[in-house]
Amino acid sequence: MNPHRAVQFRWDTCTVALHDLDSGPVTMAYSGIRLTCHEDGRVVADAWLPAGETPTYADDEALIAALRAAWRWSRDTGQPETAGGSLADHRQ
């Protein structure tokens, strides 16, 4: 394990503001998990992944890939990655 690296997992809500032409602004909130990679006390990558009441198979697979990538990154010296690229690619 790299003592200068840490990964934080926490429940988080992603809020999206939309503009409905008929009724004006609409705000929607989605439950999820935020993964934040820290190196030497600074944030180097951040990702939000959906984790609602009815997650899809794709949601589950994305979460598993991100968790595995974060775990591997915390033990290694490379850049944070997921199956689809870096954790920063999933930033919300």
PDB file of N, CA and C in Angstrom:
ATOM      1  N   MET A   1       0.841  -1.177   0.000  1.00  0.00           N
ATOM      2  CA  MET A   1       0.000   0.000   0.000  1.00  0.00           C
ATOM      3  C   MET A   1       0.890   1.245   0.000  1.00  0.00           C
ATOM      4  N   ASN A   2       0.480   2.259  -0.714  1.00  0.00           N
ATOM      5  CA  ASN A   2       1.206   3.519  -0.775  1.00  0.00           C
ATOM      6  C   ASN A   2       0.727   4.415   0.371  1.00  0.00           C
ATOM      7  N   PRO A   3       1.599   4.765   1.336  1.00  0.00           N
ATOM      8  CA  PRO A   3       1.162   5.541   2.507  1.00  0.00           C
ATOM      9  C   PRO A   3       0.765   6.981   2.180  1.00  0.00           C
ATOM     10  N   HIS A   4       1.046   7.437   0.980  1.00  0.00           N
ATOM     11  CA  HIS A   4       0.721   8.808   0.599  1.00  0.00           C
ATOM     12  C   HIS A   4      -0.608   8.900  -0.151  1.00  0.00           C
ATOM     13  N   ARG A   5      -1.261   7.763  -0.322  1.00  0.00           N
ATOM     14  CA  ARG A   5      -2.519   7.720  -1.077  1.00  0.00           C
ATOM     15  C   ARG A   5      -3.666   7.221  -0.213  1.00  0.00           C
ATOM     16  N   ALA A   6      -4.837   7.795  -0.449  1.00  0.00           N
ATOM     17  CA  ALA A   6      -6.047   7.360   0.254  1.00  0.00           C
ATOM     18  C   ALA A   6      -7.230   7.507  -0.685  1.00  0.00           C
ATOM     19  N   VAL A   7      -8.198   6.621  -0.523  1.00  0.00           N
ATOM     20  CA  VAL A   7      -9.431   6.681  -1.308  1.00  0.00           C
ATOM     21  C   VAL A   7     -10.587   6.827  -0.333  1.00  0.00           C
ATOM     22  N   GLN A   8     -11.441   7.796  -0.595  1.00  0.00           N
ATOM     23  CA  GLN A   8     -12.604   8.057   0.254  1.00  0.00           C
ATOM     24  C   GLN A   8     -13.859   7.663  -0.529  1.00  0.00           C
ATOM     25  N   PHE A   9     -14.755   6.908   0.137  1.00  0.00           N
ATOM     26  CA  PHE A   9     -16.042   6.523  -0.437  1.00  0.00           C
ATOM     27  C   PHE A   9     -17.115   7.127   0.453  1.00  0.00           C
ATOM     28  N   ARG A  10     -18.101   7.798  -0.148  1.00  0.00           N
ATOM     29  CA  ARG A  10     -19.176   8.348   0.686  1.00  0.00           C
ATOM     30  C   ARG A  10     -20.462   8.459  -0.139  1.00  0.00           C
ATOM     31  N   TRP A  11     -21.593   8.340   0.574  1.00  0.00           N
ATOM     32  CA  TRP A  11     -22.883   8.571  -0.068  1.00  0.00           C
ATOM     33  C   TRP A  11     -22.958  10.040  -0.446  1.00  0.00           C
ATOM     34  N   ASP A  12     -23.495  10.327  -1.616  1.00  0.00           N
ATOM     35  CA  ASP A  12     -23.569  11.706  -2.086  1.00  0.00           C
ATOM     36  C   ASP A  12     -24.779  11.841  -3.008  1.00  0.00           C
ATOM     37  N   THR A  13     -25.228  13.040  -3.175  1.00  0.00           N
ATOM     38  CA  THR A  13     -26.343  13.318  -4.079  1.00  0.00           C
ATOM     39  C   THR A  13     -25.866  14.229  -5.192  1.00  0.00           C
ATOM     40  N   CYS A  14     -26.172  13.833  -6.409  1.00  0.00           N
ATOM     41  CA  CYS A  14     -25.862  14.658  -7.579  1.00  0.00           C
ATOM     42  C   CYS A  14     -27.151  15.409  -7.938  1.00  0.00           C
ATOM     43  N   THR A  15     -27.077  16.723  -7.974  1.00  0.00           N
ATOM     44  CA  THR A  15     -28.245  17.539  -8.284  1.00  0.00           C
ATOM     45  C   THR A  15     -28.088  18.130  -9.680  1.00  0.00           C
ATOM     46  N   VAL A  16     -29.137  17.999 -10.473  1.00  0.00           N
ATOM     47  CA  VAL A  16     -29.129  18.489 -11.846  1.00  0.00           C
ATOM     48  C   VAL A  16     -30.275  19.478 -12.012  1.00  0.00           C
ATOM     49  N   ALA A  17     -29.966  20.646 -12.543  1.00  0.00           N
ATOM     50  CA  ALA A  17     -30.997  21.656 -12.805  1.00  0.00           C
ATOM     51  C   ALA A  17     -31.320  21.643 -14.301  1.00  0.00           C
ATOM     52  N   LEU A  18     -32.591  21.534 -14.604  1.00  0.00           N
ATOM     53  CA  LEU A  18     -33.068  21.518 -15.989  1.00  0.00           C
ATOM     54  C   LEU A  18     -34.063  22.659 -16.182  1.00  0.00           C
ATOM     55  N   HIS A  19     -34.221  23.071 -17.408  1.00  0.00           N
ATOM     56  CA  HIS A  19     -35.208  24.094 -17.698  1.00  0.00           C
ATOM     57  C   HIS A  19     -36.291  23.485 -18.577  1.00  0.00           C
ATOM     58  N   ASP A  20     -37.478  23.341 -18.008  1.00  0.00           N
ATOM     59  CA  ASP A  20     -38.632  22.829 -18.739  1.00  0.00           C
ATOM     60  C   ASP A  20     -39.312  24.016 -19.408  1.00  0.00           C
ATOM     61  N   LEU A  21     -39.492  23.968 -20.716  1.00  0.00           N
ATOM     62  CA  LEU A  21     -40.069  25.092 -21.459  1.00  0.00           C
ATOM     63  C   LEU A  21     -41.493  25.420 -21.009  1.00  0.00           C
ATOM     64  N   ASP A  22     -42.223  24.413 -20.516  1.00  0.00           N
ATOM     65  CA  ASP A  22     -43.602  24.638 -20.105  1.00  0.00           C
ATOM     66  C   ASP A  22     -43.733  25.159 -18.674  1.00  0.00           C
ATOM     67  N   SER A  23     -42.906  24.641 -17.767  1.00  0.00           N
ATOM     68  CA  SER A  23     -43.100  24.999 -16.365  1.00  0.00           C
ATOM     69  C   SER A  23     -41.900  25.694 -15.711  1.00  0.00           C
ATOM     70  N   GLY A  24     -40.845  25.959 -16.434  1.00  0.00           N
ATOM     71  CA  GLY A  24     -39.689  26.654 -15.866  1.00  0.00           C
ATOM     72  C   GLY A  24     -38.647  25.701 -15.315  1.00  0.00           C
ATOM     73  N   PRO A  25     -37.814  26.207 -14.405  1.00  0.00           N
ATOM     74  CA  PRO A  25     -36.708  25.397 -13.882  1.00  0.00           C
ATOM     75  C   PRO A  25     -37.186  24.187 -13.070  1.00  0.00           C
ATOM     76  N   VAL A  26     -36.504  23.066 -13.255  1.00  0.00           N
ATOM     77  CA  VAL A  26     -36.779  21.835 -12.521  1.00  0.00           C
ATOM     78  C   VAL A  26     -35.447  21.322 -11.985  1.00  0.00           C
ATOM     79  N   THR A  27     -35.425  20.920 -10.726  1.00  0.00           N
ATOM     80  CA  THR A  27     -34.213  20.361 -10.116  1.00  0.00           C
ATOM     81  C   THR A  27     -34.469  18.906  -9.777  1.00  0.00           C
ATOM     82  N   MET A  28     -33.532  18.040 -10.172  1.00  0.00           N
ATOM     83  CA  MET A  28     -33.630  16.611  -9.891  1.00  0.00           C
ATOM     84  C   MET A  28     -32.403  16.192  -9.102  1.00  0.00           C
ATOM     85  N   ALA A  29     -32.584  15.275  -8.148  1.00  0.00           N
ATOM     86  CA  ALA A  29     -31.476  14.783  -7.334  1.00  0.00           C
ATOM     87  C   ALA A  29     -31.364  13.269  -7.497  1.00  0.00           C
ATOM     88  N   TYR A  30     -30.125  12.779  -7.581  1.00  0.00           N
ATOM     89  CA  TYR A  30     -29.849  11.365  -7.761  1.00  0.00           C
ATOM     90  C   TYR A  30     -28.905  10.896  -6.655  1.00  0.00           C
ATOM     91  N   SER A  31     -29.237   9.770  -6.031  1.00  0.00           N
ATOM     92  CA  SER A  31     -28.357   9.185  -5.018  1.00  0.00           C
ATOM     93  C   SER A  31     -27.206   8.465  -5.689  1.00  0.00           C
ATOM     94  N   GLY A  32     -26.057   8.485  -5.018  1.00  0.00           N
ATOM     95  CA  GLY A  32     -24.913   7.788  -5.568  1.00  0.00           C
ATOM     96  C   GLY A  32     -23.775   7.691  -4.575  1.00  0.00           C
ATOM     97  N   ILE A  33     -22.657   7.218  -5.065  1.00  0.00           N
ATOM     98  CA  ILE A  33     -21.449   7.082  -4.266  1.00  0.00           C
ATOM     99  C   ILE A  33     -20.369   7.929  -4.902  1.00  0.00           C
ATOM    100  N   ARG A  34     -19.722   8.753  -4.090  1.00  0.00           N
ATOM    101  CA  ARG A  34     -18.610   9.565  -4.573  1.00  0.00           C
ATOM    102  C   ARG A  34     -17.314   8.905  -4.132  1.00  0.00           C
ATOM    103  N   LEU A  35     -16.414   8.677  -5.092  1.00  0.00           N
ATOM    104  CA  LEU A  35     -15.079   8.161  -4.829  1.00  0.00           C
ATOM    105  C   LEU A  35     -14.109   9.310  -5.039  1.00  0.00           C
ATOM    106  N   THR A  36     -13.298   9.584  -4.041  1.00  0.00           N
ATOM    107  CA  THR A  36     -12.329  10.669  -4.134  1.00  0.00           C
ATOM    108  C   THR A  36     -10.948  10.106  -3.820  1.00  0.00           C
ATOM    109  N   CYS A  37     -10.006  10.300  -4.735  1.00  0.00           N
ATOM    110  CA  CYS A  37      -8.630   9.838  -4.546  1.00  0.00           C
ATOM    111  C   CYS A  37      -7.784  11.004  -4.063  1.00  0.00           C
ATOM    112  N   HIS A  38      -7.081  10.778  -2.958  1.00  0.00           N
ATOM    113  CA  HIS A  38      -6.205  11.788  -2.365  1.00  0.00           C
ATOM    114  C   HIS A  38      -4.765  11.292  -2.463  1.00  0.00           C
ATOM    115  N   GLU A  39      -3.877  12.183  -2.825  1.00  0.00           N
ATOM    116  CA  GLU A  39      -2.450  11.869  -2.818  1.00  0.00           C
ATOM    117  C   GLU A  39      -1.722  13.017  -2.128  1.00  0.00           C
ATOM    118  N   ASP A  40      -0.969  12.685  -1.096  1.00  0.00           N
ATOM    119  CA  ASP A  40      -0.261  13.687  -0.301  1.00  0.00           C
ATOM    120  C   ASP A  40      -1.192  14.806   0.160  1.00  0.00           C
ATOM    121  N   GLY A  41      -2.439  14.439   0.534  1.00  0.00           N
ATOM    122  CA  GLY A  41      -3.385  15.397   1.079  1.00  0.00           C
ATOM    123  C   GLY A  41      -4.170  16.214   0.063  1.00  0.00           C
ATOM    124  N   ARG A  42      -3.942  16.003  -1.230  1.00  0.00           N
ATOM    125  CA  ARG A  42      -4.697  16.762  -2.228  1.00  0.00           C
ATOM    126  C   ARG A  42      -5.533  15.814  -3.087  1.00  0.00           C
ATOM    127  N   VAL A  43      -6.665  16.316  -3.576  1.00  0.00           N
ATOM    128  CA  VAL A  43      -7.554  15.519  -4.424  1.00  0.00           C
ATOM    129  C   VAL A  43      -6.945  15.427  -5.817  1.00  0.00           C
ATOM    130  N   VAL A  44      -6.782  14.180  -6.308  1.00  0.00           N
ATOM    131  CA  VAL A  44      -6.234  13.972  -7.647  1.00  0.00           C
ATOM    132  C   VAL A  44      -7.265  13.382  -8.605  1.00  0.00           C
ATOM    133  N   ALA A  45      -8.355  12.843  -8.075  1.00  0.00           N
ATOM    134  CA  ALA A  45      -9.430  12.319  -8.920  1.00  0.00           C
ATOM    135  C   ALA A  45     -10.701  12.247  -8.101  1.00  0.00           C
ATOM    136  N   ASP A  46     -11.828  12.371  -8.789  1.00  0.00           N
ATOM    137  CA  ASP A  46     -13.116  12.401  -8.130  1.00  0.00           C
ATOM    138  C   ASP A  46     -14.137  11.816  -9.097  1.00  0.00           C
ATOM    139  N   ALA A  47     -15.011  10.947  -8.594  1.00  0.00           N
ATOM    140  CA  ALA A  47     -16.037  10.355  -9.458  1.00  0.00           C
ATOM    141  C   ALA A  47     -17.322  10.181  -8.668  1.00  0.00           C
ATOM    142  N   TRP A  48     -18.436  10.393  -9.333  1.00  0.00           N
ATOM    143  CA  TRP A  48     -19.741  10.129  -8.741  1.00  0.00           C
ATOM    144  C   TRP A  48     -20.384   9.034  -9.574  1.00  0.00           C
ATOM    145  N   LEU A  49     -20.880   7.997  -8.908  1.00  0.00           N
ATOM    146  CA  LEU A  49     -21.518   6.876  -9.596  1.00  0.00           C
ATOM    147  C   LEU A  49     -22.911   6.660  -9.021  1.00  0.00           C
ATOM    148  N   PRO A  50     -23.916   6.401  -9.871  1.00  0.00           N
ATOM    149  CA  PRO A  50     -25.277   6.203  -9.373  1.00  0.00           C
ATOM    150  C   PRO A  50     -25.376   4.951  -8.508  1.00  0.00           C
ATOM    151  N   ALA A  51     -26.161   5.049  -7.444  1.00  0.00           N
ATOM    152  CA  ALA A  51     -26.392   3.910  -6.547  1.00  0.00           C
ATOM    153  C   ALA A  51     -27.760   4.071  -5.905  1.00  0.00           C
ATOM    154  N   GLY A  52     -28.776   4.195  -6.727  1.00  0.00           N
ATOM    155  CA  GLY A  52     -30.125   4.413  -6.225  1.00  0.00           C
ATOM    156  C   GLY A  52     -30.801   3.135  -5.776  1.00  0.00           C
ATOM    157  N   GLU A  53     -32.095   3.230  -5.550  1.00  0.00           N
ATOM    158  CA  GLU A  53     -32.888   2.096  -5.078  1.00  0.00           C
ATOM    159  C   GLU A  53     -32.993   0.982  -6.110  1.00  0.00           C
ATOM    160  N   THR A  54     -32.945   1.330  -7.382  1.00  0.00           N
ATOM    161  CA  THR A  54     -33.073   0.326  -8.439  1.00  0.00           C
ATOM    162  C   THR A  54     -31.915   0.454  -9.431  1.00  0.00           C
ATOM    163  N   PRO A  55     -30.697   0.105  -8.989  1.00  0.00           N
ATOM    164  CA  PRO A  55     -29.551   0.229  -9.893  1.00  0.00           C
ATOM    165  C   PRO A  55     -29.652  -0.778 -11.038  1.00  0.00           C
ATOM    166  N   THR A  56     -29.116  -0.393 -12.165  1.00  0.00           N
ATOM    167  CA  THR A  56     -29.085  -1.285 -13.320  1.00  0.00           C
ATOM    168  C   THR A  56     -27.840  -2.162 -13.250  1.00  0.00           C
ATOM    169  N   TYR A  57     -27.800  -3.171 -14.095  1.00  0.00           N
ATOM    170  CA  TYR A  57     -26.607  -4.009 -14.198  1.00  0.00           C
ATOM    171  C   TYR A  57     -25.403  -3.155 -14.574  1.00  0.00           C
ATOM    172  N   ALA A  58     -25.588  -2.207 -15.487  1.00  0.00           N
ATOM    173  CA  ALA A  58     -24.500  -1.318 -15.902  1.00  0.00           C
ATOM    174  C   ALA A  58     -24.028  -0.447 -14.737  1.00  0.00           C
ATOM    175  N   ASP A  59     -24.964   0.030 -13.895  1.00  0.00           N
ATOM    176  CA  ASP A  59     -24.597   0.802 -12.704  1.00  0.00           C
ATOM    177  C   ASP A  59     -23.716  -0.042 -11.779  1.00  0.00           C
ATOM    178  N   ASP A  60     -24.132  -1.288 -11.551  1.00  0.00           N
ATOM    179  CA  ASP A  60     -23.368  -2.182 -10.678  1.00  0.00           C
ATOM    180  C   ASP A  60     -21.973  -2.442 -11.235  1.00  0.00           C
ATOM    181  N   GLU A  61     -21.891  -2.707 -12.528  1.00  0.00           N
ATOM    182  CA  GLU A  61     -20.592  -2.981 -13.155  1.00  0.00           C
ATOM    183  C   GLU A  61     -19.680  -1.755 -13.095  1.00  0.00           C
ATOM    184  N   ALA A  62     -20.239  -0.566 -13.306  1.00  0.00           N
ATOM    185  CA  ALA A  62     -19.432   0.665 -13.230  1.00  0.00           C
ATOM    186  C   ALA A  62     -18.913   0.880 -11.816  1.00  0.00           C
ATOM    187  N   LEU A  63     -19.751   0.602 -10.809  1.00  0.00           N
ATOM    188  CA  LEU A  63     -19.333   0.759  -9.420  1.00  0.00           C
ATOM    189  C   LEU A  63     -18.231  -0.234  -9.068  1.00  0.00           C
ATOM    190  N   ILE A  64     -18.396  -1.484  -9.465  1.00  0.00           N
ATOM    191  CA  ILE A  64     -17.375  -2.500  -9.199  1.00  0.00           C
ATOM    192  C   ILE A  64     -16.053  -2.114  -9.858  1.00  0.00           C
ATOM    193  N   ALA A  65     -16.097  -1.662 -11.110  1.00  0.00           N
ATOM    194  CA  ALA A  65     -14.876  -1.268 -11.819  1.00  0.00           C
ATOM    195  C   ALA A  65     -14.196  -0.083 -11.139  1.00  0.00           C
ATOM    196  N   ALA A  66     -14.984   0.895 -10.705  1.00  0.00           N
ATOM    197  CA  ALA A  66     -14.417   2.074 -10.047  1.00  0.00           C
ATOM    198  C   ALA A  66     -13.816   1.714  -8.690  1.00  0.00           C
ATOM    199  N   LEU A  67     -14.497   0.870  -7.926  1.00  0.00           N
ATOM    200  CA  LEU A  67     -13.969   0.435  -6.631  1.00  0.00           C
ATOM    201  C   LEU A  67     -12.657  -0.323  -6.807  1.00  0.00           C
ATOM    202  N   ARG A  68     -12.628  -1.222  -7.762  1.00  0.00           N
ATOM    203  CA  ARG A  68     -11.409  -2.000  -8.016  1.00  0.00           C
ATOM    204  C   ARG A  68     -10.265  -1.090  -8.454  1.00  0.00           C
ATOM    205  N   ALA A  69     -10.553  -0.162  -9.359  1.00  0.00           N
ATOM    206  CA  ALA A  69      -9.523   0.754  -9.838  1.00  0.00           C
ATOM    207  C   ALA A  69      -8.991   1.630  -8.708  1.00  0.00           C
ATOM    208  N   ALA A  70      -9.883   2.114  -7.848  1.00  0.00           N
ATOM    209  CA  ALA A  70      -9.457   2.954  -6.725  1.00  0.00           C
ATOM    210  C   ALA A  70      -8.606   2.152  -5.750  1.00  0.00           C
ATOM    211  N   TRP A  71      -8.995   0.917  -5.475  1.00  0.00           N
ATOM    212  CA  TRP A  71      -8.227   0.062  -4.579  1.00  0.00           C
ATOM    213  C   TRP A  71      -6.832  -0.188  -5.152  1.00  0.00           C
ATOM    214  N   ARG A  72      -6.772  -0.522  -6.451  1.00  0.00           N
ATOM    215  CA  ARG A  72      -5.465  -0.756  -7.084  1.00  0.00           C
ATOM    216  C   ARG A  72      -4.620   0.508  -7.070  1.00  0.00           C
ATOM    217  N   TRP A  73      -5.225   1.649  -7.356  1.00  0.00           N
ATOM    218  CA  TRP A  73      -4.487   2.915  -7.364  1.00  0.00           C
ATOM    219  C   TRP A  73      -3.899   3.202  -5.989  1.00  0.00           C
ATOM    220  N   SER A  74      -4.655   2.919  -4.919  1.00  0.00           N
ATOM    221  CA  SER A  74      -4.171   3.207  -3.566  1.00  0.00           C
ATOM    222  C   SER A  74      -2.949   2.369  -3.199  1.00  0.00           C
ATOM    223  N   ARG A  75      -2.734   1.260  -3.899  1.00  0.00           N
ATOM    224  CA  ARG A  75      -1.604   0.375  -3.631  1.00  0.00           C
ATOM    225  C   ARG A  75      -0.443   0.586  -4.589  1.00  0.00           C
ATOM    226  N   ASP A  76      -0.626   1.384  -5.626  1.00  0.00           N
ATOM    227  CA  ASP A  76       0.328   1.490  -6.722  1.00  0.00           C
ATOM    228  C   ASP A  76       0.896   2.901  -6.806  1.00  0.00           C
ATOM    229  N   THR A  77       1.559   3.187  -7.911  1.00  0.00           N
ATOM    230  CA  THR A  77       2.112   4.522  -8.127  1.00  0.00           C
ATOM    231  C   THR A  77       1.583   5.160  -9.402  1.00  0.00           C
ATOM    232  N   GLY A  78       0.687   4.467 -10.117  1.00  0.00           N
ATOM    233  CA  GLY A  78       0.160   4.999 -11.374  1.00  0.00           C
ATOM    234  C   GLY A  78      -0.982   5.974 -11.163  1.00  0.00           C
ATOM    235  N   GLN A  79      -1.594   6.388 -12.267  1.00  0.00           N
ATOM    236  CA  GLN A  79      -2.728   7.305 -12.233  1.00  0.00           C
ATOM    237  C   GLN A  79      -3.998   6.537 -11.886  1.00  0.00           C
ATOM    238  N   PRO A  80      -4.987   7.207 -11.248  1.00  0.00           N
ATOM    239  CA  PRO A  80      -6.256   6.538 -10.973  1.00  0.00           C
ATOM    240  C   PRO A  80      -6.965   6.195 -12.270  1.00  0.00           C
ATOM    241  N   GLU A  81      -7.413   4.940 -12.404  1.00  0.00           N
ATOM    242  CA  GLU A  81      -8.081   4.502 -13.629  1.00  0.00           C
ATOM    243  C   GLU A  81      -9.297   3.667 -13.296  1.00  0.00           C
ATOM    244  N   THR A  82     -10.222   3.600 -14.256  1.00  0.00           N
ATOM    245  CA  THR A  82     -11.347   2.676 -14.180  1.00  0.00           C
ATOM    246  C   THR A  82     -11.362   1.919 -15.494  1.00  0.00           C
ATOM    247  N   ALA A  83     -12.308   1.031 -15.653  1.00  0.00           N
ATOM    248  CA  ALA A  83     -12.390   0.256 -16.889  1.00  0.00           C
ATOM    249  C   ALA A  83     -12.568   1.173 -18.100  1.00  0.00           C
ATOM    250  N   GLY A  84     -13.205   2.328 -17.894  1.00  0.00           N
ATOM    251  CA  GLY A  84     -13.462   3.234 -19.000  1.00  0.00           C
ATOM    252  C   GLY A  84     -12.497   4.404 -19.075  1.00  0.00           C
ATOM    253  N   GLY A  85     -11.441   4.415 -18.288  1.00  0.00           N
ATOM    254  CA  GLY A  85     -10.509   5.529 -18.284  1.00  0.00           C
ATOM    255  C   GLY A  85     -10.216   5.958 -16.861  1.00  0.00           C
ATOM    256  N   SER A  86      -9.885   7.209 -16.677  1.00  0.00           N
ATOM    257  CA  SER A  86      -9.556   7.676 -15.334  1.00  0.00           C
ATOM    258  C   SER A  86     -10.819   7.972 -14.542  1.00  0.00           C
ATOM    259  N   LEU A  87     -10.690   8.006 -13.223  1.00  0.00           N
ATOM    260  CA  LEU A  87     -11.827   8.371 -12.388  1.00  0.00           C
ATOM    261  C   LEU A  87     -12.339   9.751 -12.751  1.00  0.00           C
ATOM    262  N   ALA A  88     -11.452  10.617 -13.203  1.00  0.00           N
ATOM    263  CA  ALA A  88     -11.856  11.963 -13.582  1.00  0.00           C
ATOM    264  C   ALA A  88     -12.862  11.931 -14.739  1.00  0.00           C
ATOM    265  N   ASP A  89     -12.850  10.860 -15.545  1.00  0.00           N
ATOM    266  CA  ASP A  89     -13.811  10.733 -16.644  1.00  0.00           C
ATOM    267  C   ASP A  89     -15.237  10.611 -16.121  1.00  0.00           C
ATOM    268  N   HIS A  90     -15.396  10.210 -14.857  1.00  0.00           N
ATOM    269  CA  HIS A  90     -16.721  10.020 -14.272  1.00  0.00           C
ATOM    270  C   HIS A  90     -17.117  11.169 -13.370  1.00  0.00           C
ATOM    271  N   ARG A  91     -16.336  12.229 -13.397  1.00  0.00           N
ATOM    272  CA  ARG A  91     -16.575  13.371 -12.510  1.00  0.00           C
ATOM    273  C   ARG A  91     -17.947  13.973 -12.792  1.00  0.00           C
ATOM    274  N   GLN A  92     -18.641  14.269 -11.728  1.00  0.00           N
ATOM    275  CA  GLN A  92     -19.981  14.897 -11.840  1.00  0.00           C
ATOM    276  C   GLN A  92     -19.959  16.226 -11.147  1.00  0.00           C
TER     277      GLN A  92
END
